[in-house]
Amino acid sequence: MEKTFFIRKTMTDNDHAAPTTDRFQRIEKLNLLVNSGWVIKGFKSSENEEYFLLEKAE
């Protein structure tokens, strides 16, 4: 199973809602996901967003 976990996302007309918590709260949540078995496959960064690609065995 794969998941995209946003740290920062700029809101545009066609996007889903940006995360409502601050960056440090998002990192804490990411740490909880990693501790529960999710593995970080990669990190993507652009002008508008930053996110981790996560994977978990089914």
Protein backbone atom coordinates (compact mmCIF):
# COMPACT_ATOMS: atom_id res chain seq x y z
CA MET A 1 0.00 0.00 0.00
CA GLU A 2 1.30 3.49 -0.80
CA LYS A 3 0.49 6.88 0.68
CA THR A 4 1.44 10.49 -0.09
CA PHE A 5 2.06 12.43 3.11
CA PHE A 6 2.16 16.21 2.61
CA ILE A 7 4.31 18.42 4.79
CA ARG A 8 3.56 21.61 2.87
CA LYS A 9 1.12 22.23 0.07
CA THR A 10 0.10 25.53 -1.48
CA MET A 11 -3.61 25.75 -2.16
CA THR A 12 -4.67 26.22 -5.79
CA ASP A 13 -8.12 26.08 -7.38
CA ASN A 14 -7.77 22.45 -8.49
CA ASP A 15 -6.12 21.06 -5.34
CA HIS A 16 -7.51 19.34 -2.32
CA ALA A 17 -7.29 21.20 0.97
CA ALA A 18 -3.82 21.86 2.32
CA PRO A 19 -2.85 20.37 5.70
CA THR A 20 -4.37 22.34 8.55
CA THR A 21 -1.63 21.64 11.09
CA ASP A 22 1.76 23.31 11.12
CA ARG A 23 4.93 21.77 9.74
CA PHE A 24 6.18 20.48 13.12
CA GLN A 25 2.85 18.77 13.87
CA ARG A 26 2.99 17.12 10.43
CA ILE A 27 6.51 15.79 11.16
CA GLU A 28 5.28 14.39 14.50
CA LYS A 29 2.45 12.61 12.68
CA LEU A 30 4.93 11.30 10.09
CA ASN A 31 7.05 9.86 12.92
CA LEU A 32 3.96 8.09 14.29
CA LEU A 33 3.29 6.55 10.87
CA VAL A 34 6.91 5.35 10.59
CA ASN A 35 6.71 3.86 14.10
CA SER A 36 3.55 1.98 13.10
CA GLY A 37 5.18 0.25 10.13
CA TRP A 38 5.15 2.74 7.25
CA VAL A 39 8.46 3.09 5.34
CA ILE A 40 9.60 6.29 3.65
CA LYS A 41 10.24 5.54 -0.04
CA GLY A 42 11.13 9.06 -1.08
CA PHE A 43 10.79 12.80 -0.62
CA LYS A 44 9.56 15.25 -3.26
CA SER A 45 9.88 19.01 -3.10
CA SER A 46 8.77 21.75 -5.47
CA GLU A 47 7.91 25.42 -5.29
CA ASN A 48 4.34 24.58 -4.21
CA GLU A 49 4.62 21.44 -2.10
CA GLU A 50 6.74 19.05 -0.08
CA TYR A 51 5.72 15.47 0.57
CA PHE A 52 6.96 12.02 1.47
CA LEU A 53 6.05 8.85 -0.39
CA LEU A 54 5.27 6.16 2.17
CA GLU A 55 4.80 2.41 1.76
CA LYS A 56 3.45 -0.27 4.07
CA ALA A 57 3.34 -4.02 3.51
CA GLU A 58 -0.19 -5.36 3.31
